[in-house]
Protein backbone atom coordinates (compact mmCIF):
# COMPACT_ATOMS: atom_id res chain seq x y z
CA UNK A 1 -17.59 -19.99 -15.26
CA UNK A 2 -15.49 -20.67 -12.37
CA UNK A 3 -17.77 -18.19 -10.25
CA UNK A 4 -21.03 -20.15 -11.25
CA UNK A 5 -19.41 -23.22 -10.71
CA UNK A 6 -18.64 -22.19 -6.91
CA UNK A 7 -21.98 -20.88 -6.45
CA UNK A 8 -23.95 -24.45 -7.41
CA UNK A 9 -21.21 -25.89 -5.67
CA UNK A 10 -22.53 -24.37 -2.57
CA UNK A 11 -25.59 -26.53 -2.27
CA UNK A 12 -23.29 -29.59 -1.82
CA UNK A 13 -23.00 -28.72 2.07
CA UNK A 14 -26.99 -29.05 2.63
CA UNK A 15 -26.94 -32.33 0.77
CA UNK A 16 -23.49 -33.03 3.21
CA UNK A 17 -25.49 -32.05 6.29
CA UNK A 18 -28.33 -34.03 5.34
CA UNK A 19 -26.88 -37.04 4.22
CA UNK A 20 -24.84 -37.25 7.62
CA UNK A 21 -27.63 -36.88 9.78
CA UNK A 22 -30.02 -39.27 7.77
CA UNK A 23 -28.22 -41.75 5.82
CA UNK A 24 -25.34 -42.17 8.54
CA UNK A 25 -22.61 -43.03 6.07
CA UNK A 26 -18.98 -44.63 6.79
CA UNK A 27 -17.00 -41.94 8.09
CA UNK A 28 -14.17 -42.02 5.37
CA UNK A 29 -17.06 -40.93 2.89
CA UNK A 30 -18.31 -38.04 5.46
CA UNK A 31 -14.56 -36.42 5.70
CA UNK A 32 -14.29 -36.75 1.87
CA UNK A 33 -18.13 -34.93 1.61
CA UNK A 34 -17.54 -32.44 4.33
CA UNK A 35 -14.05 -31.47 2.80
CA UNK A 36 -15.64 -30.80 -0.63
CA UNK A 37 -18.49 -28.98 0.84
CA UNK A 38 -16.28 -26.52 2.82
CA UNK A 39 -13.98 -25.24 -0.31
CA UNK A 40 -17.47 -23.18 -1.96
CA UNK A 41 -18.40 -22.16 1.66
CA UNK A 42 -15.23 -20.53 2.26
CA UNK A 43 -15.28 -18.88 -1.24
CA UNK A 44 -18.98 -17.46 -0.12
CA UNK A 45 -17.73 -16.48 3.26
CA UNK A 46 -14.67 -14.30 1.51
CA UNK A 47 -17.31 -12.94 -1.31
CA UNK A 48 -20.07 -11.97 1.21
CA UNK A 49 -17.57 -10.45 3.30
CA UNK A 50 -16.06 -8.55 0.33
CA UNK A 51 -19.66 -7.08 -0.68
CA UNK A 52 -20.06 -6.26 3.19
CA UNK A 53 -16.93 -4.55 3.39
CA UNK A 54 -18.31 -1.89 0.25
CA UNK A 55 -20.79 -0.64 2.75
CA UNK A 56 -18.07 -0.01 5.36
CA UNK A 57 -14.90 2.55 5.98
CA UNK A 58 -11.99 1.00 5.13
CA UNK A 59 -10.92 0.48 8.58
CA UNK A 60 -13.89 -1.69 9.22
CA UNK A 61 -13.77 -3.31 5.80
CA UNK A 62 -10.24 -4.62 6.86
CA UNK A 63 -11.33 -5.79 10.30
CA UNK A 64 -14.35 -7.54 8.06
CA UNK A 65 -11.38 -9.14 5.48
CA UNK A 66 -9.05 -10.16 8.77
CA UNK A 67 -11.91 -11.92 10.94
CA UNK A 68 -14.63 -13.36 8.58
CA UNK A 69 -12.06 -14.25 5.94
CA UNK A 70 -10.60 -16.45 8.03
CA UNK A 71 -13.66 -17.80 9.54
CA UNK A 72 -13.30 -21.36 7.50
CA UNK A 73 -10.42 -22.01 9.40
CA UNK A 74 -11.32 -20.75 12.90
CA UNK A 75 -14.20 -22.45 12.89
CA UNK A 76 -12.47 -25.76 12.12
CA UNK A 77 -9.91 -25.11 14.85
CA UNK A 78 -12.32 -24.32 17.68
CA UNK A 79 -14.22 -27.74 16.86
CA UNK A 80 -10.93 -29.53 16.59
CA UNK A 81 -10.38 -28.00 20.16
CA UNK A 82 -13.97 -29.15 21.32
CA UNK A 83 -12.54 -32.88 20.29
CA UNK A 84 -9.43 -32.10 21.98
CA UNK A 85 -7.65 -32.99 18.40
CA UNK A 86 -4.77 -30.49 19.29
CA UNK A 87 -2.57 -31.84 16.64
CA UNK A 88 -5.05 -31.19 14.02
CA UNK A 89 -5.59 -27.78 15.63
CA UNK A 90 -2.05 -26.76 15.34
CA UNK A 91 -1.32 -28.42 11.86
CA UNK A 92 -4.50 -26.46 10.21
CA UNK A 93 -3.14 -23.43 11.37
CA UNK A 94 0.20 -24.08 11.03
CA UNK A 95 -0.19 -25.43 7.29
CA UNK A 96 -2.62 -22.48 6.46
CA UNK A 97 0.59 -20.04 7.15
CA UNK A 98 2.51 -22.09 4.92
CA UNK A 99 0.10 -23.05 2.11
CA UNK A 100 -0.69 -18.92 1.52
CA UNK A 101 2.85 -18.14 1.64
CA UNK A 102 4.69 -21.14 -0.77
CA UNK A 103 1.62 -22.89 -2.37
CA UNK A 104 -0.68 -19.60 -3.37
CA UNK A 105 1.86 -17.00 -3.74
CA UNK A 106 3.38 -19.50 -5.86
CA UNK A 107 0.78 -20.09 -8.26
CA UNK A 108 0.16 -16.38 -8.61
CA UNK A 109 3.61 -15.86 -9.45
CA UNK A 110 3.43 -18.85 -11.96
CA UNK A 111 0.37 -17.40 -13.53
CA UNK A 112 1.42 -13.88 -13.60
CA UNK A 113 4.89 -14.48 -14.96
CA UNK A 114 6.99 -11.33 -14.85
CA UNK A 115 6.04 -8.10 -12.92
CA UNK A 116 7.02 -5.92 -9.88
CA UNK A 117 5.90 -6.59 -6.45
CA UNK A 118 5.45 -4.19 -3.36
CA UNK A 119 8.50 -4.70 -1.69
CA UNK A 120 7.73 -2.84 1.43
CA UNK A 121 4.33 -4.72 2.29
CA UNK A 122 5.75 -7.84 1.43
CA UNK A 123 8.56 -7.69 3.79
CA UNK A 124 6.29 -6.29 6.44
CA UNK A 125 3.86 -9.69 5.76
CA UNK A 126 7.20 -11.63 5.91
CA UNK A 127 8.59 -10.08 9.02
CA UNK A 128 5.41 -10.71 11.03
CA UNK A 129 5.38 -14.79 10.29
CA UNK A 130 9.09 -14.79 10.90
CA UNK A 131 8.54 -12.77 14.59
CA UNK A 132 5.49 -15.17 15.21
CA UNK A 133 7.61 -18.41 14.59
CA UNK A 134 10.35 -16.97 16.76
CA UNK A 135 7.87 -15.81 19.33
CA UNK A 136 6.33 -19.43 19.34
CA UNK A 137 9.62 -20.89 20.25
CA UNK A 138 9.00 -19.90 23.79
CA UNK A 139 6.43 -22.96 24.24
CA UNK A 140 7.46 -25.09 21.29
CA UNK A 141 10.93 -25.72 22.43
CA UNK A 142 9.65 -26.98 26.11
CA UNK A 143 7.40 -29.32 24.12
CA UNK A 144 9.83 -31.32 22.40
CA UNK A 145 10.52 -33.31 25.14
CA UNK A 146 7.34 -34.50 27.88
CA UNK A 147 3.65 -34.12 27.39
CA UNK A 148 3.07 -31.22 24.74
CA UNK A 149 -0.22 -30.74 26.39
CA UNK A 150 0.92 -29.91 29.99
CA UNK A 151 -0.51 -27.34 31.62
CA UNK A 152 2.40 -25.35 31.77
CA UNK A 153 2.91 -25.01 28.33
CA UNK A 154 -0.71 -23.52 27.60
CA UNK A 155 0.35 -21.25 30.99
CA UNK A 156 3.36 -19.87 28.53
CA UNK A 157 0.85 -19.68 25.29
CA UNK A 158 -1.12 -17.30 26.76
CA UNK A 159 1.29 -14.49 26.95
CA UNK A 160 2.48 -15.33 23.87
CA UNK A 161 -0.59 -15.17 22.20
CA UNK A 162 -1.59 -11.61 23.81
CA UNK A 163 1.82 -10.32 22.70
CA UNK A 164 1.25 -11.56 18.99
CA UNK A 165 -2.87 -10.11 19.22
CA UNK A 166 -1.33 -7.00 19.95
CA UNK A 167 1.30 -7.11 17.73
CA UNK A 168 -1.16 -7.29 15.29
CA UNK A 169 -3.05 -4.47 16.11
CA UNK A 170 -0.23 -1.98 16.45
CA UNK A 171 1.78 -3.17 13.24
CA UNK A 172 -1.13 -3.96 10.65
CA UNK A 173 -3.84 -1.79 10.88
CA UNK A 174 -2.50 -0.12 7.61
CA UNK A 175 -2.30 -3.16 5.73
CA UNK A 176 -5.81 -4.45 6.84
CA UNK A 177 -7.04 -1.37 5.54
CA UNK A 178 -5.27 -2.23 2.19
CA UNK A 179 -6.00 -5.75 2.09
CA UNK A 180 -9.51 -4.56 2.19
CA UNK A 181 -9.01 -2.24 -0.57
CA UNK A 182 -7.46 -5.11 -2.69
CA UNK A 183 -9.67 -7.82 -2.33
CA UNK A 184 -12.75 -5.40 -3.26
CA UNK A 185 -10.76 -4.34 -6.36
CA UNK A 186 -10.20 -7.74 -7.53
CA UNK A 187 -14.04 -8.37 -7.83
CA UNK A 188 -14.65 -5.22 -8.92
CA UNK A 189 -16.66 -6.23 -11.92
CA UNK A 190 -19.29 -7.98 -9.71
CA UNK A 191 -22.45 -5.84 -9.15
CA UNK A 192 -22.54 -5.15 -5.15
CA UNK A 193 -24.97 -6.86 -2.67
CA UNK A 194 -26.55 -4.44 -0.32
CA UNK A 195 -25.48 -4.47 3.26
CA UNK A 196 -28.43 -6.61 4.47
CA UNK A 197 -27.53 -9.15 2.01
CA UNK A 198 -23.95 -9.41 2.16
CA UNK A 199 -24.45 -9.94 6.11
CA UNK A 200 -27.43 -12.22 5.86
CA UNK A 201 -25.18 -14.39 3.47
CA UNK A 202 -21.95 -14.17 5.98
CA UNK A 203 -24.32 -15.60 9.05
CA UNK A 204 -25.79 -18.58 6.87
CA UNK A 205 -22.64 -19.23 5.00
CA UNK A 206 -20.77 -19.25 8.58
CA UNK A 207 -23.79 -21.16 10.45
CA UNK A 208 -23.49 -24.02 7.50
CA UNK A 209 -19.86 -24.32 7.88
CA UNK A 210 -19.42 -24.39 11.54
CA UNK A 211 -22.34 -27.63 10.69
CA UNK A 212 -20.01 -29.23 8.11
CA UNK A 213 -16.68 -28.25 10.10
CA UNK A 214 -18.40 -30.43 12.68
CA UNK A 215 -18.69 -33.73 10.50
CA UNK A 216 -15.25 -32.78 9.41
CA UNK A 217 -13.51 -32.89 12.87
CA UNK A 218 -15.61 -36.11 13.84
CA UNK A 219 -14.48 -38.25 10.83
CA UNK A 220 -10.67 -37.07 10.55
CA UNK A 221 -9.76 -40.28 13.07
CA UNK A 222 -11.50 -42.59 10.56
CA UNK A 223 -10.26 -41.32 7.61
CA UNK A 224 -7.22 -40.86 8.58
CA UNK A 225 -6.96 -44.55 10.04
CA UNK A 226 -8.55 -45.94 6.49
CA UNK A 227 -5.85 -43.79 4.48
CA UNK A 228 -3.18 -44.47 6.35
CA UNK A 229 -2.10 -41.02 6.60
CA UNK A 230 -1.47 -39.36 9.79
CA UNK A 231 -4.20 -36.88 11.12
CA UNK A 232 -1.38 -34.20 11.22
CA UNK A 233 -0.81 -34.47 7.70
CA UNK A 234 -4.02 -34.32 6.63
CA UNK A 235 -4.63 -30.72 8.64
CA UNK A 236 -1.64 -29.39 7.63
CA UNK A 237 -2.09 -30.18 3.96
CA UNK A 238 -5.57 -31.38 2.95
CA UNK A 239 -7.59 -29.27 5.36
CA UNK A 240 -5.61 -26.27 5.33
CA UNK A 241 -5.68 -26.25 1.53
CA UNK A 242 -9.66 -26.79 1.95
CA UNK A 243 -10.02 -23.68 3.69
CA UNK A 244 -7.93 -21.55 1.73
CA UNK A 245 -8.33 -23.10 -2.08
CA UNK A 246 -11.49 -20.99 -2.95
CA UNK A 247 -10.96 -17.84 -0.64
CA UNK A 248 -7.50 -17.46 -2.06
CA UNK A 249 -7.95 -18.92 -5.82
CA UNK A 250 -8.88 -15.32 -6.31
CA UNK A 251 -5.23 -14.29 -6.18
CA UNK A 252 -4.16 -16.51 -8.72
CA UNK A 253 -6.99 -15.29 -11.17
CA UNK A 254 -6.06 -12.12 -10.47
CA UNK A 255 -2.38 -12.71 -11.27
CA UNK A 256 -3.29 -14.34 -14.36
CA UNK A 257 -4.89 -10.84 -15.32
CA UNK A 258 -1.79 -9.18 -15.24
CA UNK A 259 -1.94 -7.79 -11.68
CA UNK A 260 0.76 -9.41 -10.05
CA UNK A 261 1.22 -6.83 -7.09
CA UNK A 262 -2.53 -7.38 -6.17
CA UNK A 263 -2.02 -10.92 -6.15
CA UNK A 264 1.17 -11.03 -3.84
CA UNK A 265 -0.34 -8.59 -1.78
CA UNK A 266 -3.46 -10.94 -1.25
CA UNK A 267 -1.19 -13.91 -0.60
CA UNK A 268 1.32 -12.48 1.98
CA UNK A 269 -1.17 -10.54 3.88
CA UNK A 270 -3.04 -13.62 4.08
CA UNK A 271 -0.31 -15.42 5.80
CA UNK A 272 0.45 -12.85 7.91
CA UNK A 273 -3.19 -12.66 9.14
CA UNK A 274 -2.90 -16.50 9.94
CA UNK A 275 0.21 -16.16 11.71
CA UNK A 276 -0.18 -12.83 13.90
CA UNK A 277 -4.36 -12.95 14.28
CA UNK A 278 -5.46 -16.24 13.84
CA UNK A 279 -3.11 -18.48 15.67
CA UNK A 280 -3.43 -16.43 18.95
CA UNK A 281 -7.25 -15.75 18.53
CA UNK A 282 -7.62 -19.49 18.74
CA UNK A 283 -5.19 -20.47 21.67
CA UNK A 284 -7.18 -17.83 23.90
CA UNK A 285 -10.49 -18.41 22.39
CA UNK A 286 -9.68 -22.30 23.40
CA UNK A 287 -9.42 -21.17 27.12
CA UNK A 288 -13.05 -20.89 27.16
CA UNK A 289 -13.36 -24.90 25.36
CA UNK A 290 -10.64 -26.86 26.30
CA UNK A 291 -7.07 -25.40 26.85
CA UNK A 292 -5.06 -25.51 24.03
CA UNK A 293 -0.97 -25.36 23.97
CA UNK A 294 1.07 -23.94 20.91
CA UNK A 295 3.45 -26.43 21.17
CA UNK A 296 4.65 -26.71 17.53
CA UNK A 297 6.61 -29.40 16.30
CA UNK A 298 10.04 -29.09 15.06
CA UNK A 299 8.74 -29.56 11.56
CA UNK A 300 6.11 -26.76 11.96
CA UNK A 301 8.70 -24.33 13.11
CA UNK A 302 11.21 -25.45 10.33
CA UNK A 303 8.46 -25.08 7.76
CA UNK A 304 7.74 -21.64 8.88
CA UNK A 305 11.59 -21.03 8.64
CA UNK A 306 12.45 -22.30 5.43
CA UNK A 307 9.14 -20.55 3.90
CA UNK A 308 10.07 -17.03 5.58
CA UNK A 309 13.84 -17.28 4.40
CA UNK A 310 13.00 -18.33 0.82
CA UNK A 311 10.02 -16.13 -0.06
CA UNK A 312 12.24 -13.30 1.38
CA UNK A 313 15.00 -14.58 -1.12
CA UNK A 314 13.10 -14.55 -4.41
CA UNK A 315 11.10 -11.22 -3.42
CA UNK A 316 14.41 -9.73 -2.56
CA UNK A 317 14.36 -7.49 -5.73
CA UNK A 318 10.88 -6.57 -5.93
CA UNK A 319 10.30 -8.70 -9.20
CA UNK A 320 8.37 -11.74 -10.29
CA UNK A 321 8.73 -14.68 -12.59
CA UNK A 322 7.23 -17.72 -13.46
CA UNK A 323 10.45 -19.65 -12.33
CA UNK A 324 9.71 -17.97 -8.95
CA UNK A 325 6.51 -19.09 -8.81
CA UNK A 326 7.68 -22.62 -9.71
CA UNK A 327 10.52 -22.56 -6.98
CA UNK A 328 7.61 -21.85 -4.74
CA UNK A 329 5.29 -24.63 -5.31
CA UNK A 330 8.40 -26.81 -5.34
CA UNK A 331 9.21 -25.98 -1.86
CA UNK A 332 5.54 -26.47 -0.77
CA UNK A 333 5.51 -30.18 -1.83
CA UNK A 334 9.03 -30.51 -0.11
CA UNK A 335 7.71 -29.12 3.06
CA UNK A 336 4.17 -31.21 2.08
CA UNK A 337 6.77 -34.57 2.00
CA UNK A 338 8.29 -33.45 5.37
CA UNK A 339 4.70 -33.00 7.15
CA UNK A 340 3.70 -36.63 5.29
CA UNK A 341 7.26 -38.33 6.80
CA UNK A 342 6.58 -36.52 10.45
CA UNK A 343 3.76 -38.84 11.07
CA UNK A 344 1.95 -38.75 14.44
CA UNK A 345 3.83 -37.10 17.03
CA UNK A 346 5.11 -39.15 20.05
CA UNK A 347 3.81 -38.50 23.36
CA UNK A 348 5.61 -38.48 26.46
């Protein structure tokens, strides 16, 4: 039922593009429609990637899942870089890490109830997120005074990004292979697509996502002004959830079927991939568009730290429960309130 609804919802994307270029609606409406259209697109990219991975070896399958599974977030981030909306870029990436760690995992545990999780794999993912938060302090701390976009911070961000990507390649190859297998296992009852069909759908969905993401980013200023919400909050909470909702909603479905270990693996591995792969990848690709400094705010570093510490404490015994899920969701709501209270970043 949910799958049919998502398939049908994909039709919203071309409608949004057509409405934008022919009727020129208010930018606030543009933002709402684009955000809604991105949810089924993100799911479709994840779906096509998983079907493509069925036809490849586990290594290539892992690469496909890691790369294209994060395609919506990557595309939104690069359009925001082009628009020089740097707070939106950083906020959406940080929000994605925290959202996977607290919201997706929280709902997975809430719907899954009691069960066992893989402590070794879970703590590897948490260690990667923690290490990312620590190394991001290098460009972040100097940005807490002065211009957060200055060239010296961009220069600091480049070696930081390279180190994170090298760590990603060296330390997570096993997790990537496993993550690909888990994604495929979660949709095992679906008839597989041919490799050609999967790649065609993946290519088309990525192009359409780019067009919708451009509309979303172009309208965020006006939507922020009309709604009274900061661009940072919209990026860290709304856009981050939109980019992840459908793709990782599967983790919650899997958990509800009793496969809690699998669901936790998806949520934690996704969080680690955004932290150690997507953040540095965006920073390095941004050099081709507009240089981006990884100058995270105190509230972003704090959110990452709190997320890792609380998740690690709850998962330390290798067991899941509905109460732990509820606690993670409550912590996410607290983080969201902190993002709301932080408002726009003061410059200078």
